Amino acid sequence: MNQSSSREIMRSEDGFVVDAELVAGKLGLSPNTFWEEMKRGIVYSVVERGEGEDAGRVRLTIRYRARSWSITLEEIAQ
């Protein structure tokens, strides 16, 4: 993950916070449409934690209809 991405994706005590403009662009949506569709439950996310040789990694996937965007992060011990 590059330095600008690290400011757009942050770890919180509840999970992860991802910049809406980043995700909207990755899904081909305007930020306003992204928020509208998220409120409707059409945009949603999945968090997967790696096991075995993938332990310490987290994959975030955000889905909108037939589109999706995923990023794999190295988990930082807290």
C-alpha atoms as a PDB file:
ATOM      1  CA  MET A   1       0.000   0.000   0.000  1.00  0.00           C
ATOM      2  CA  ASN A   2       1.469   3.365  -0.905  1.00  0.00           C
ATOM      3  CA  GLN A   3       1.642   6.371   1.415  1.00  0.00           C
ATOM      4  CA  SER A   4      -1.425   8.172  -0.025  1.00  0.00           C
ATOM      5  CA  SER A   5      -3.493   4.988   0.376  1.00  0.00           C
ATOM      6  CA  SER A   6      -2.492   4.725   4.026  1.00  0.00           C
ATOM      7  CA  ARG A   7      -4.255   8.051   4.640  1.00  0.00           C
ATOM      8  CA  GLU A   8      -7.337   6.853   2.755  1.00  0.00           C
ATOM      9  CA  ILE A   9      -7.609   3.529   4.619  1.00  0.00           C
ATOM     10  CA  MET A  10      -7.262   3.615   8.383  1.00  0.00           C
ATOM     11  CA  ARG A  11      -7.730   1.078  11.125  1.00  0.00           C
ATOM     12  CA  SER A  12     -10.304   1.966  13.799  1.00  0.00           C
ATOM     13  CA  GLU A  13     -11.311   0.133  16.959  1.00  0.00           C
ATOM     14  CA  ASP A  14     -14.403  -1.120  15.079  1.00  0.00           C
ATOM     15  CA  GLY A  15     -12.545  -2.269  11.945  1.00  0.00           C
ATOM     16  CA  PHE A  16     -11.469  -0.092   9.026  1.00  0.00           C
ATOM     17  CA  VAL A  17     -12.384   3.352   7.720  1.00  0.00           C
ATOM     18  CA  VAL A  18     -12.015   3.824   3.972  1.00  0.00           C
ATOM     19  CA  ASP A  19     -12.261   7.185   2.200  1.00  0.00           C
ATOM     20  CA  ALA A  20     -15.617   7.334   0.370  1.00  0.00           C
ATOM     21  CA  GLU A  21     -14.200   9.231  -2.621  1.00  0.00           C
ATOM     22  CA  LEU A  22     -11.538   6.557  -3.132  1.00  0.00           C
ATOM     23  CA  VAL A  23     -14.087   3.733  -3.109  1.00  0.00           C
ATOM     24  CA  ALA A  24     -16.644   5.628  -5.193  1.00  0.00           C
ATOM     25  CA  GLY A  25     -14.026   6.158  -7.905  1.00  0.00           C
ATOM     26  CA  LYS A  26     -12.940   2.504  -7.808  1.00  0.00           C
ATOM     27  CA  LEU A  27     -16.583   1.449  -8.295  1.00  0.00           C
ATOM     28  CA  GLY A  28     -17.231   4.015 -11.052  1.00  0.00           C
ATOM     29  CA  LEU A  29     -19.646   6.059  -8.931  1.00  0.00           C
ATOM     30  CA  SER A  30     -19.858   9.700  -7.905  1.00  0.00           C
ATOM     31  CA  PRO A  31     -19.448  10.243  -4.159  1.00  0.00           C
ATOM     32  CA  ASN A  32     -23.136  11.261  -3.884  1.00  0.00           C
ATOM     33  CA  THR A  33     -24.325   8.121  -5.677  1.00  0.00           C
ATOM     34  CA  PHE A  34     -21.986   6.025  -3.551  1.00  0.00           C
ATOM     35  CA  TRP A  35     -23.574   7.369  -0.324  1.00  0.00           C
ATOM     36  CA  GLU A  36     -27.126   6.988  -1.670  1.00  0.00           C
ATOM     37  CA  GLU A  37     -26.505   3.380  -2.673  1.00  0.00           C
ATOM     38  CA  MET A  38     -24.759   2.646   0.613  1.00  0.00           C
ATOM     39  CA  LYS A  39     -27.787   3.921   2.555  1.00  0.00           C
ATOM     40  CA  ARG A  40     -29.969   1.610   0.438  1.00  0.00           C
ATOM     41  CA  GLY A  41     -27.694  -1.334   1.293  1.00  0.00           C
ATOM     42  CA  ILE A  42     -26.615  -1.862  -2.312  1.00  0.00           C
ATOM     43  CA  VAL A  43     -23.002  -0.925  -1.508  1.00  0.00           C
ATOM     44  CA  TYR A  44     -21.576  -3.129   1.233  1.00  0.00           C
ATOM     45  CA  SER A  45     -18.243  -4.421   2.461  1.00  0.00           C
ATOM     46  CA  VAL A  46     -16.660  -7.695   3.494  1.00  0.00           C
ATOM     47  CA  VAL A  47     -13.558  -8.060   5.688  1.00  0.00           C
ATOM     48  CA  GLU A  48     -11.575 -11.321   5.521  1.00  0.00           C
ATOM     49  CA  ARG A  49      -8.678 -12.137   7.828  1.00  0.00           C
ATOM     50  CA  GLY A  50      -5.970 -14.418   6.507  1.00  0.00           C
ATOM     51  CA  GLU A  51      -5.150 -17.782   8.029  1.00  0.00           C
ATOM     52  CA  GLY A  52      -2.147 -20.078   7.683  1.00  0.00           C
ATOM     53  CA  GLU A  53       0.427 -18.557   5.341  1.00  0.00           C
ATOM     54  CA  ASP A  54      -1.861 -15.507   4.903  1.00  0.00           C
ATOM     55  CA  ALA A  55      -2.022 -14.821   8.653  1.00  0.00           C
ATOM     56  CA  GLY A  56      -1.470 -11.130   9.334  1.00  0.00           C
ATOM     57  CA  ARG A  57      -3.216 -10.047   6.146  1.00  0.00           C
ATOM     58  CA  VAL A  58      -6.666  -8.544   5.780  1.00  0.00           C
ATOM     59  CA  ARG A  59      -8.638  -8.295   2.539  1.00  0.00           C
ATOM     60  CA  LEU A  60     -11.254  -5.553   2.297  1.00  0.00           C
ATOM     61  CA  THR A  61     -13.816  -5.942  -0.484  1.00  0.00           C
ATOM     62  CA  ILE A  62     -16.469  -3.358  -1.284  1.00  0.00           C
ATOM     63  CA  ARG A  63     -19.280  -4.509  -3.571  1.00  0.00           C
ATOM     64  CA  TYR A  64     -21.806  -2.624  -5.667  1.00  0.00           C
ATOM     65  CA  ARG A  65     -24.102  -4.717  -7.846  1.00  0.00           C
ATOM     66  CA  ALA A  66     -21.785  -6.687 -10.189  1.00  0.00           C
ATOM     67  CA  ARG A  67     -18.778  -4.456  -9.405  1.00  0.00           C
ATOM     68  CA  SER A  68     -16.277  -4.916  -6.617  1.00  0.00           C
ATOM     69  CA  TRP A  69     -12.993  -3.475  -5.427  1.00  0.00           C
ATOM     70  CA  SER A  70     -10.591  -5.323  -3.130  1.00  0.00           C
ATOM     71  CA  ILE A  71      -7.402  -4.413  -1.362  1.00  0.00           C
ATOM     72  CA  THR A  72      -5.160  -6.654   0.734  1.00  0.00           C
ATOM     73  CA  LEU A  73      -3.472  -5.053   3.722  1.00  0.00           C
ATOM     74  CA  GLU A  74      -0.791  -6.212   6.087  1.00  0.00           C
ATOM     75  CA  GLU A  75      -2.355  -6.084   9.535  1.00  0.00           C
ATOM     76  CA  ILE A  76      -0.444  -4.050  12.092  1.00  0.00           C
ATOM     77  CA  ALA A  77      -0.398  -5.445  15.630  1.00  0.00           C
ATOM     78  CA  GLN A  78      -2.028  -3.097  18.116  1.00  0.00           C
END
